[in-house]
Full PDB file with SEQRES, HELIX, SHEET, SSBOND, CRYST1, ORIGX, SCALE, CONECT and MASTER records, all heavy atoms in Angstrom:
SEQRES   1 A   34  PRO ALA ILE ALA SER ARG MET SER PHE LEU ARG TRP ALA          
SEQRES   2 A   34  PHE VAL GLY LEU LEU LEU ALA ALA ILE VAL LEU TYR ARG          
SEQRES   3 A   34  PRO GLN GLY ILE LEU PRO GLU LYS                              
HELIX    1 AA1 ALA A    4  ARG A    6  5                                   3    
HELIX    2 AA2 PHE A    9  TYR A   25  1                                  17    
CRYST1    1.000    1.000    1.000  90.00  90.00  90.00 P 1           1          
ORIGX1      1.000000  0.000000  0.000000        0.00000                         
ORIGX2      0.000000  1.000000  0.000000        0.00000                         
ORIGX3      0.000000  0.000000  1.000000        0.00000                         
SCALE1      1.000000  0.000000  0.000000        0.00000                         
SCALE2      0.000000  1.000000  0.000000        0.00000                         
SCALE3      0.000000  0.000000  1.000000        0.00000                         
ATOM      1  N   PRO A   1     -24.816  -0.673  -5.877  1.00  0.00           N  
ATOM      2  CA  PRO A   1     -24.201   0.396  -6.705  1.00  0.00           C  
ATOM      3  C   PRO A   1     -23.441   1.422  -5.863  1.00  0.00           C  
ATOM      4  O   PRO A   1     -22.462   1.999  -6.383  1.00  0.00           O  
ATOM      5  CB  PRO A   1     -25.430   1.041  -7.395  1.00  0.00           C  
ATOM      6  CG  PRO A   1     -26.615   0.585  -6.627  1.00  0.00           C  
ATOM      7  CD  PRO A   1     -26.272  -0.761  -5.987  1.00  0.00           C  
ATOM      8  N   ALA A   2     -23.865   1.663  -4.639  1.00  0.00           N  
ATOM      9  CA  ALA A   2     -23.140   2.641  -3.811  1.00  0.00           C  
ATOM     10  C   ALA A   2     -21.725   2.167  -3.522  1.00  0.00           C  
ATOM     11  O   ALA A   2     -20.753   2.977  -3.506  1.00  0.00           O  
ATOM     12  CB  ALA A   2     -23.884   2.904  -2.508  1.00  0.00           C  
ATOM     13  N   ILE A   3     -21.588   0.885  -3.265  1.00  0.00           N  
ATOM     14  CA  ILE A   3     -20.253   0.310  -3.023  1.00  0.00           C  
ATOM     15  C   ILE A   3     -19.445   0.207  -4.324  1.00  0.00           C  
ATOM     16  O   ILE A   3     -18.245   0.491  -4.338  1.00  0.00           O  
ATOM     17  CB  ILE A   3     -20.379  -1.086  -2.371  1.00  0.00           C  
ATOM     18  CG1 ILE A   3     -21.057  -0.939  -1.004  1.00  0.00           C  
ATOM     19  CG2 ILE A   3     -18.998  -1.740  -2.197  1.00  0.00           C  
ATOM     20  CD1 ILE A   3     -21.284  -2.294  -0.320  1.00  0.00           C  
ATOM     21  N   ALA A   4     -20.130  -0.148  -5.399  1.00  0.00           N  
ATOM     22  CA  ALA A   4     -19.435  -0.263  -6.702  1.00  0.00           C  
ATOM     23  C   ALA A   4     -18.808   1.049  -7.123  1.00  0.00           C  
ATOM     24  O   ALA A   4     -17.730   1.066  -7.733  1.00  0.00           O  
ATOM     25  CB  ALA A   4     -20.409  -0.773  -7.751  1.00  0.00           C  
ATOM     26  N   SER A   5     -19.480   2.171  -6.834  1.00  0.00           N  
ATOM     27  CA  SER A   5     -18.920   3.476  -7.246  1.00  0.00           C  
ATOM     28  C   SER A   5     -17.683   3.869  -6.458  1.00  0.00           C  
ATOM     29  O   SER A   5     -16.974   4.788  -6.832  1.00  0.00           O  
ATOM     30  CB  SER A   5     -20.011   4.554  -7.064  1.00  0.00           C  
ATOM     31  OG  SER A   5     -20.379   4.688  -5.709  1.00  0.00           O  
ATOM     32  N   ARG A   6     -17.428   3.152  -5.327  1.00  0.00           N  
ATOM     33  CA  ARG A   6     -16.263   3.460  -4.513  1.00  0.00           C  
ATOM     34  C   ARG A   6     -15.151   2.475  -4.650  1.00  0.00           C  
ATOM     35  O   ARG A   6     -14.158   2.507  -3.920  1.00  0.00           O  
ATOM     36  CB  ARG A   6     -16.671   3.533  -3.015  1.00  0.00           C  
ATOM     37  CG  ARG A   6     -17.645   4.687  -2.725  1.00  0.00           C  
ATOM     38  CD  ARG A   6     -18.035   4.678  -1.269  1.00  0.00           C  
ATOM     39  NE  ARG A   6     -18.793   5.862  -0.897  1.00  0.00           N  
ATOM     40  CZ  ARG A   6     -20.119   5.983  -1.061  1.00  0.00           C  
ATOM     41  NH1 ARG A   6     -20.811   4.988  -1.561  1.00  0.00           N  
ATOM     42  NH2 ARG A   6     -20.727   7.098  -0.680  1.00  0.00           N  
ATOM     43  N   MET A   7     -15.238   1.586  -5.582  1.00  0.00           N  
ATOM     44  CA  MET A   7     -14.252   0.523  -5.761  1.00  0.00           C  
ATOM     45  C   MET A   7     -12.873   1.083  -6.101  1.00  0.00           C  
ATOM     46  O   MET A   7     -11.842   0.502  -5.729  1.00  0.00           O  
ATOM     47  CB  MET A   7     -14.662  -0.460  -6.831  1.00  0.00           C  
ATOM     48  CG  MET A   7     -15.678  -1.501  -6.391  1.00  0.00           C  
ATOM     49  SD  MET A   7     -15.049  -2.615  -5.118  1.00  0.00           S  
ATOM     50  CE  MET A   7     -15.819  -1.951  -3.661  1.00  0.00           C  
ATOM     51  N   SER A   8     -12.849   2.211  -6.804  1.00  0.00           N  
ATOM     52  CA  SER A   8     -11.518   2.735  -7.226  1.00  0.00           C  
ATOM     53  C   SER A   8     -10.674   3.134  -5.999  1.00  0.00           C  
ATOM     54  O   SER A   8      -9.439   3.146  -6.085  1.00  0.00           O  
ATOM     55  CB  SER A   8     -11.742   3.973  -8.118  1.00  0.00           C  
ATOM     56  OG  SER A   8     -12.450   4.978  -7.426  1.00  0.00           O  
ATOM     57  N   PHE A   9     -11.327   3.449  -4.896  1.00  0.00           N  
ATOM     58  CA  PHE A   9     -10.566   3.824  -3.685  1.00  0.00           C  
ATOM     59  C   PHE A   9      -9.809   2.620  -3.067  1.00  0.00           C  
ATOM     60  O   PHE A   9      -8.915   2.813  -2.253  1.00  0.00           O  
ATOM     61  CB  PHE A   9     -11.502   4.469  -2.635  1.00  0.00           C  
ATOM     62  CG  PHE A   9     -12.079   5.742  -3.097  1.00  0.00           C  
ATOM     63  CD1 PHE A   9     -13.380   5.843  -3.505  1.00  0.00           C  
ATOM     64  CD2 PHE A   9     -11.310   6.918  -3.157  1.00  0.00           C  
ATOM     65  CE1 PHE A   9     -13.927   7.035  -3.941  1.00  0.00           C  
ATOM     66  CE2 PHE A   9     -11.863   8.131  -3.579  1.00  0.00           C  
ATOM     67  CZ  PHE A   9     -13.174   8.179  -3.994  1.00  0.00           C  
ATOM     68  N   LEU A  10     -10.242   1.419  -3.467  1.00  0.00           N  
ATOM     69  CA  LEU A  10      -9.533   0.236  -2.962  1.00  0.00           C  
ATOM     70  C   LEU A  10      -8.070   0.200  -3.426  1.00  0.00           C  
ATOM     71  O   LEU A  10      -7.211  -0.325  -2.716  1.00  0.00           O  
ATOM     72  CB  LEU A  10     -10.228  -1.022  -3.410  1.00  0.00           C  
ATOM     73  CG  LEU A  10     -11.521  -1.395  -2.677  1.00  0.00           C  
ATOM     74  CD1 LEU A  10     -12.100  -2.692  -3.247  1.00  0.00           C  
ATOM     75  CD2 LEU A  10     -11.239  -1.612  -1.170  1.00  0.00           C  
ATOM     76  N   ARG A  11      -7.803   0.815  -4.591  1.00  0.00           N  
ATOM     77  CA  ARG A  11      -6.406   0.836  -5.077  1.00  0.00           C  
ATOM     78  C   ARG A  11      -5.537   1.640  -4.118  1.00  0.00           C  
ATOM     79  O   ARG A  11      -4.441   1.181  -3.734  1.00  0.00           O  
ATOM     80  CB  ARG A  11      -6.346   1.452  -6.497  1.00  0.00           C  
ATOM     81  CG  ARG A  11      -7.218   0.767  -7.488  1.00  0.00           C  
ATOM     82  CD  ARG A  11      -7.209   1.471  -8.810  1.00  0.00           C  
ATOM     83  NE  ARG A  11      -5.973   1.201  -9.546  1.00  0.00           N  
ATOM     84  CZ  ARG A  11      -5.687   1.734 -10.758  1.00  0.00           C  
ATOM     85  NH1 ARG A  11      -6.545   2.580 -11.295  1.00  0.00           N  
ATOM     86  NH2 ARG A  11      -4.545   1.437 -11.358  1.00  0.00           N  
ATOM     87  N   TRP A  12      -6.008   2.789  -3.712  1.00  0.00           N  
ATOM     88  CA  TRP A  12      -5.246   3.596  -2.798  1.00  0.00           C  
ATOM     89  C   TRP A  12      -5.121   2.937  -1.409  1.00  0.00           C  
ATOM     90  O   TRP A  12      -4.057   2.998  -0.786  1.00  0.00           O  
ATOM     91  CB  TRP A  12      -5.897   4.986  -2.652  1.00  0.00           C  
ATOM     92  CG  TRP A  12      -5.741   5.816  -3.863  1.00  0.00           C  
ATOM     93  CD1 TRP A  12      -6.738   6.208  -4.712  1.00  0.00           C  
ATOM     94  CD2 TRP A  12      -4.543   6.373  -4.388  1.00  0.00           C  
ATOM     95  NE1 TRP A  12      -6.215   6.950  -5.759  1.00  0.00           N  
ATOM     96  CE2 TRP A  12      -4.897   7.076  -5.568  1.00  0.00           C  
ATOM     97  CE3 TRP A  12      -3.207   6.321  -4.014  1.00  0.00           C  
ATOM     98  CZ2 TRP A  12      -3.932   7.728  -6.355  1.00  0.00           C  
ATOM     99  CZ3 TRP A  12      -2.256   6.975  -4.762  1.00  0.00           C  
ATOM    100  CH2 TRP A  12      -2.613   7.665  -5.935  1.00  0.00           C  
ATOM    101  N   ALA A  13      -6.209   2.260  -1.000  1.00  0.00           N  
ATOM    102  CA  ALA A  13      -6.148   1.566   0.258  1.00  0.00           C  
ATOM    103  C   ALA A  13      -5.102   0.452   0.256  1.00  0.00           C  
ATOM    104  O   ALA A  13      -4.319   0.303   1.190  1.00  0.00           O  
ATOM    105  CB  ALA A  13      -7.545   0.975   0.600  1.00  0.00           C  
ATOM    106  N   PHE A  14      -5.007  -0.242  -0.878  1.00  0.00           N  
ATOM    107  CA  PHE A  14      -4.053  -1.366  -0.970  1.00  0.00           C  
ATOM    108  C   PHE A  14      -2.646  -0.803  -0.988  1.00  0.00           C  
ATOM    109  O   PHE A  14      -1.750  -1.329  -0.311  1.00  0.00           O  
ATOM    110  CB  PHE A  14      -4.333  -2.173  -2.228  1.00  0.00           C  
ATOM    111  CG  PHE A  14      -3.465  -3.369  -2.344  1.00  0.00           C  
ATOM    112  CD1 PHE A  14      -3.800  -4.560  -1.673  1.00  0.00           C  
ATOM    113  CD2 PHE A  14      -2.272  -3.358  -3.118  1.00  0.00           C  
ATOM    114  CE1 PHE A  14      -2.989  -5.696  -1.767  1.00  0.00           C  
ATOM    115  CE2 PHE A  14      -1.498  -4.487  -3.222  1.00  0.00           C  
ATOM    116  CZ  PHE A  14      -1.854  -5.642  -2.542  1.00  0.00           C  
ATOM    117  N   VAL A  15      -2.403   0.270  -1.750  1.00  0.00           N  
ATOM    118  CA  VAL A  15      -1.071   0.897  -1.765  1.00  0.00           C  
ATOM    119  C   VAL A  15      -0.717   1.447  -0.410  1.00  0.00           C  
ATOM    120  O   VAL A  15       0.455   1.334   0.036  1.00  0.00           O  
ATOM    121  CB  VAL A  15      -0.995   1.987  -2.840  1.00  0.00           C  
ATOM    122  CG1 VAL A  15       0.328   2.734  -2.788  1.00  0.00           C  
ATOM    123  CG2 VAL A  15      -1.185   1.379  -4.231  1.00  0.00           C  
ATOM    124  N   GLY A  16      -1.687   2.007   0.310  1.00  0.00           N  
ATOM    125  CA  GLY A  16      -1.425   2.486   1.661  1.00  0.00           C  
ATOM    126  C   GLY A  16      -1.055   1.373   2.613  1.00  0.00           C  
ATOM    127  O   GLY A  16      -0.109   1.493   3.430  1.00  0.00           O  
ATOM    128  N   LEU A  17      -1.742   0.252   2.503  1.00  0.00           N  
ATOM    129  CA  LEU A  17      -1.395  -0.887   3.349  1.00  0.00           C  
ATOM    130  C   LEU A  17       0.015  -1.435   2.990  1.00  0.00           C  
ATOM    131  O   LEU A  17       0.783  -1.819   3.862  1.00  0.00           O  
ATOM    132  CB  LEU A  17      -2.411  -2.015   3.188  1.00  0.00           C  
ATOM    133  CG  LEU A  17      -3.793  -1.733   3.768  1.00  0.00           C  
ATOM    134  CD1 LEU A  17      -4.782  -2.819   3.360  1.00  0.00           C  
ATOM    135  CD2 LEU A  17      -3.716  -1.604   5.242  1.00  0.00           C  
ATOM    136  N   LEU A  18       0.317  -1.413   1.686  1.00  0.00           N  
ATOM    137  CA  LEU A  18       1.644  -1.840   1.268  1.00  0.00           C  
ATOM    138  C   LEU A  18       2.722  -0.923   1.831  1.00  0.00           C  
ATOM    139  O   LEU A  18       3.761  -1.365   2.273  1.00  0.00           O  
ATOM    140  CB  LEU A  18       1.711  -1.842  -0.275  1.00  0.00           C  
ATOM    141  CG  LEU A  18       3.021  -2.348  -0.895  1.00  0.00           C  
ATOM    142  CD1 LEU A  18       3.353  -3.778  -0.479  1.00  0.00           C  
ATOM    143  CD2 LEU A  18       2.915  -2.242  -2.425  1.00  0.00           C  
ATOM    144  N   LEU A  19       2.461   0.384   1.826  1.00  0.00           N  
ATOM    145  CA  LEU A  19       3.396   1.342   2.392  1.00  0.00           C  
ATOM    146  C   LEU A  19       3.639   1.065   3.894  1.00  0.00           C  
ATOM    147  O   LEU A  19       4.758   1.086   4.396  1.00  0.00           O  
ATOM    148  CB  LEU A  19       2.920   2.755   2.173  1.00  0.00           C  
ATOM    149  CG  LEU A  19       3.746   3.881   2.843  1.00  0.00           C  
ATOM    150  CD1 LEU A  19       5.176   3.882   2.255  1.00  0.00           C  
ATOM    151  CD2 LEU A  19       3.094   5.230   2.598  1.00  0.00           C  
ATOM    152  N   ALA A  20       2.526   0.820   4.631  1.00  0.00           N  
ATOM    153  CA  ALA A  20       2.627   0.508   6.053  1.00  0.00           C  
ATOM    154  C   ALA A  20       3.471  -0.765   6.263  1.00  0.00           C  
ATOM    155  O   ALA A  20       4.300  -0.826   7.199  1.00  0.00           O  
ATOM    156  CB  ALA A  20       1.260   0.354   6.661  1.00  0.00           C  
ATOM    157  N   ALA A  21       3.244  -1.764   5.430  1.00  0.00           N  
ATOM    158  CA  ALA A  21       4.030  -2.996   5.587  1.00  0.00           C  
ATOM    159  C   ALA A  21       5.516  -2.758   5.289  1.00  0.00           C  
ATOM    160  O   ALA A  21       6.383  -3.354   5.972  1.00  0.00           O  
ATOM    161  CB  ALA A  21       3.472  -4.047   4.592  1.00  0.00           C  
ATOM    162  N   ILE A  22       5.785  -1.893   4.291  1.00  0.00           N  
ATOM    163  CA  ILE A  22       7.224  -1.612   4.030  1.00  0.00           C  
ATOM    164  C   ILE A  22       7.889  -0.935   5.225  1.00  0.00           C  
ATOM    165  O   ILE A  22       8.983  -1.333   5.628  1.00  0.00           O  
ATOM    166  CB  ILE A  22       7.338  -0.689   2.760  1.00  0.00           C  
ATOM    167  CG1 ILE A  22       6.841  -1.379   1.522  1.00  0.00           C  
ATOM    168  CG2 ILE A  22       8.744  -0.206   2.571  1.00  0.00           C  
ATOM    169  CD1 ILE A  22       6.621  -0.467   0.340  1.00  0.00           C  
ATOM    170  N   VAL A  23       7.218   0.039   5.794  1.00  0.00           N  
ATOM    171  CA  VAL A  23       7.768   0.768   6.935  1.00  0.00           C  
ATOM    172  C   VAL A  23       7.983  -0.159   8.110  1.00  0.00           C  
ATOM    173  O   VAL A  23       8.996  -0.052   8.827  1.00  0.00           O  
ATOM    174  CB  VAL A  23       6.842   1.972   7.292  1.00  0.00           C  
ATOM    175  CG1 VAL A  23       7.334   2.620   8.565  1.00  0.00           C  
ATOM    176  CG2 VAL A  23       6.791   2.999   6.161  1.00  0.00           C  
ATOM    177  N   LEU A  24       7.062  -1.089   8.331  1.00  0.00           N  
ATOM    178  CA  LEU A  24       7.134  -1.948   9.494  1.00  0.00           C  
ATOM    179  C   LEU A  24       8.149  -3.096   9.328  1.00  0.00           C  
ATOM    180  O   LEU A  24       8.876  -3.439  10.276  1.00  0.00           O  
ATOM    181  CB  LEU A  24       5.737  -2.547   9.792  1.00  0.00           C  
ATOM    182  CG  LEU A  24       4.723  -1.558  10.346  1.00  0.00           C  
ATOM    183  CD1 LEU A  24       3.370  -2.244  10.451  1.00  0.00           C  
ATOM    184  CD2 LEU A  24       5.150  -1.042  11.726  1.00  0.00           C  
ATOM    185  N   TYR A  25       8.163  -3.695   8.144  1.00  0.00           N  
ATOM    186  CA  TYR A  25       8.932  -4.939   7.990  1.00  0.00           C  
ATOM    187  C   TYR A  25      10.142  -4.857   7.083  1.00  0.00           C  
ATOM    188  O   TYR A  25      11.030  -5.664   7.160  1.00  0.00           O  
ATOM    189  CB  TYR A  25       7.988  -6.037   7.430  1.00  0.00           C  
ATOM    190  CG  TYR A  25       6.796  -6.318   8.316  1.00  0.00           C  
ATOM    191  CD1 TYR A  25       5.536  -5.907   7.965  1.00  0.00           C  
ATOM    192  CD2 TYR A  25       6.994  -6.956   9.569  1.00  0.00           C  
ATOM    193  CE1 TYR A  25       4.450  -6.160   8.798  1.00  0.00           C  
ATOM    194  CE2 TYR A  25       5.922  -7.211  10.400  1.00  0.00           C  
ATOM    195  CZ  TYR A  25       4.675  -6.815  10.033  1.00  0.00           C  
ATOM    196  OH  TYR A  25       3.591  -7.041  10.835  1.00  0.00           O  
ATOM    197  N   ARG A  26      10.210  -3.859   6.196  1.00  0.00           N  
ATOM    198  CA  ARG A  26      11.354  -3.730   5.325  1.00  0.00           C  
ATOM    199  C   ARG A  26      11.674  -2.227   5.084  1.00  0.00           C  
ATOM    200  O   ARG A  26      11.621  -1.762   3.922  1.00  0.00           O  
ATOM    201  CB  ARG A  26      11.056  -4.446   3.975  1.00  0.00           C  
ATOM    202  CG  ARG A  26      12.291  -4.564   3.041  1.00  0.00           C  
ATOM    203  CD  ARG A  26      13.315  -5.537   3.518  1.00  0.00           C  
ATOM    204  NE  ARG A  26      14.401  -5.617   2.586  1.00  0.00           N  
ATOM    205  CZ  ARG A  26      15.473  -6.478   2.732  1.00  0.00           C  
ATOM    206  NH1 ARG A  26      15.513  -7.266   3.773  1.00  0.00           N  
ATOM    207  NH2 ARG A  26      16.432  -6.479   1.879  1.00  0.00           N  
ATOM    208  N   PRO A  27      11.982  -1.489   6.093  1.00  0.00           N  
ATOM    209  CA  PRO A  27      12.201  -0.038   5.907  1.00  0.00           C  
ATOM    210  C   PRO A  27      13.358   0.289   4.992  1.00  0.00           C  
ATOM    211  O   PRO A  27      13.401   1.365   4.424  1.00  0.00           O  
ATOM    212  CB  PRO A  27      12.391   0.489   7.352  1.00  0.00           C  
ATOM    213  CG  PRO A  27      12.843  -0.724   8.126  1.00  0.00           C  
ATOM    214  CD  PRO A  27      12.146  -1.884   7.508  1.00  0.00           C  
ATOM    215  N   GLN A  28      14.323  -0.600   4.891  1.00  0.00           N  
ATOM    216  CA  GLN A  28      15.504  -0.342   4.034  1.00  0.00           C  
ATOM    217  C   GLN A  28      15.217  -0.636   2.579  1.00  0.00           C  
ATOM    218  O   GLN A  28      16.039  -0.337   1.724  1.00  0.00           O  
ATOM    219  CB  GLN A  28      16.690  -1.175   4.527  1.00  0.00           C  
ATOM    220  CG  GLN A  28      16.613  -2.678   4.277  1.00  0.00           C  
ATOM    221  CD  GLN A  28      15.907  -3.421   5.377  1.00  0.00           C  
ATOM    222  OE1 GLN A  28      15.032  -2.856   6.082  1.00  0.00           O  
ATOM    223  NE2 GLN A  28      16.240  -4.692   5.528  1.00  0.00           N  
ATOM    224  N   GLY A  29      14.062  -1.288   2.281  1.00  0.00           N  
ATOM    225  CA  GLY A  29      13.701  -1.567   0.891  1.00  0.00           C  
ATOM    226  C   GLY A  29      14.285  -2.913   0.401  1.00  0.00           C  
ATOM    227  O   GLY A  29      14.992  -3.594   1.117  1.00  0.00           O  
ATOM    228  N   ILE A  30      13.869  -3.274  -0.826  1.00  0.00           N  
ATOM    229  CA  ILE A  30      14.298  -4.564  -1.393  1.00  0.00           C  
ATOM    230  C   ILE A  30      15.798  -4.539  -1.599  1.00  0.00           C  
ATOM    231  O   ILE A  30      16.511  -5.524  -1.318  1.00  0.00           O  
ATOM    232  CB  ILE A  30      13.559  -4.829  -2.724  1.00  0.00           C  
ATOM    233  CG1 ILE A  30      12.043  -4.907  -2.487  1.00  0.00           C  
ATOM    234  CG2 ILE A  30      14.061  -6.119  -3.352  1.00  0.00           C  
ATOM    235  CD1 ILE A  30      11.229  -5.028  -3.780  1.00  0.00           C  
ATOM    236  N   LEU A  31      16.320  -3.454  -2.158  1.00  0.00           N  
ATOM    237  CA  LEU A  31      17.776  -3.336  -2.434  1.00  0.00           C  
ATOM    238  C   LEU A  31      18.291  -2.175  -1.587  1.00  0.00           C  
ATOM    239  O   LEU A  31      18.250  -1.005  -2.047  1.00  0.00           O  
ATOM    240  CB  LEU A  31      18.030  -3.083  -3.940  1.00  0.00           C  
ATOM    241  CG  LEU A  31      17.651  -4.178  -4.902  1.00  0.00           C  
ATOM    242  CD1 LEU A  31      17.893  -3.737  -6.327  1.00  0.00           C  
ATOM    243  CD2 LEU A  31      18.395  -5.458  -4.627  1.00  0.00           C  
ATOM    244  N   PRO A  32      18.647  -2.388  -0.348  1.00  0.00           N  
ATOM    245  CA  PRO A  32      19.100  -1.277   0.498  1.00  0.00           C  
ATOM    246  C   PRO A  32      20.382  -0.642   0.017  1.00  0.00           C  
ATOM    247  O   PRO A  32      21.126  -1.229  -0.781  1.00  0.00           O  
ATOM    248  CB  PRO A  32      19.259  -1.982   1.878  1.00  0.00           C  
ATOM    249  CG  PRO A  32      19.522  -3.402   1.570  1.00  0.00           C  
ATOM    250  CD  PRO A  32      18.743  -3.726   0.301  1.00  0.00           C  
ATOM    251  N   GLU A  33      20.586   0.552   0.506  1.00  0.00           N  
ATOM    252  CA  GLU A  33      21.795   1.255   0.142  1.00  0.00           C  
ATOM    253  C   GLU A  33      23.052   0.520   0.655  1.00  0.00           C  
ATOM    254  O   GLU A  33      23.039   0.018   1.805  1.00  0.00           O  
ATOM    255  CB  GLU A  33      21.777   2.689   0.729  1.00  0.00           C  
ATOM    256  CG  GLU A  33      23.027   3.494   0.414  1.00  0.00           C  
ATOM    257  CD  GLU A  33      23.005   4.852   1.066  1.00  0.00           C  
ATOM    258  OE1 GLU A  33      22.074   5.145   1.836  1.00  0.00           O  
ATOM    259  OE2 GLU A  33      23.980   5.644   0.836  1.00  0.00           O  
ATOM    260  N   LYS A  34      24.055   0.492  -0.137  1.00  0.00           N  
ATOM    261  CA  LYS A  34      25.341  -0.152   0.258  1.00  0.00           C  
ATOM    262  C   LYS A  34      26.329   0.933   0.560  1.00  0.00           C  
ATOM    263  O   LYS A  34      26.492   1.894  -0.181  1.00  0.00           O  
ATOM    264  CB  LYS A  34      25.866  -1.053  -0.876  1.00  0.00           C  
ATOM    265  CG  LYS A  34      24.950  -2.227  -1.202  1.00  0.00           C  
ATOM    266  CD  LYS A  34      25.554  -3.090  -2.280  1.00  0.00           C  
ATOM    267  CE  LYS A  34      24.680  -4.278  -2.612  1.00  0.00           C  
ATOM    268  NZ  LYS A  34      25.243  -5.100  -3.716  1.00  0.00           N  
TER     269      LYS A  34                                                      
MASTER        0    0    0    2    0    0    0    6  268    1    0    3          
END                                                                             
């Protein structure tokens, strides 16, 4: 139950990892400025 009560923080962790991946591998974004 202690871990279950903290599951909602996984959403922020996943978005944070996604942000790190964007900065490292695709800093210009999916549709970069032309």
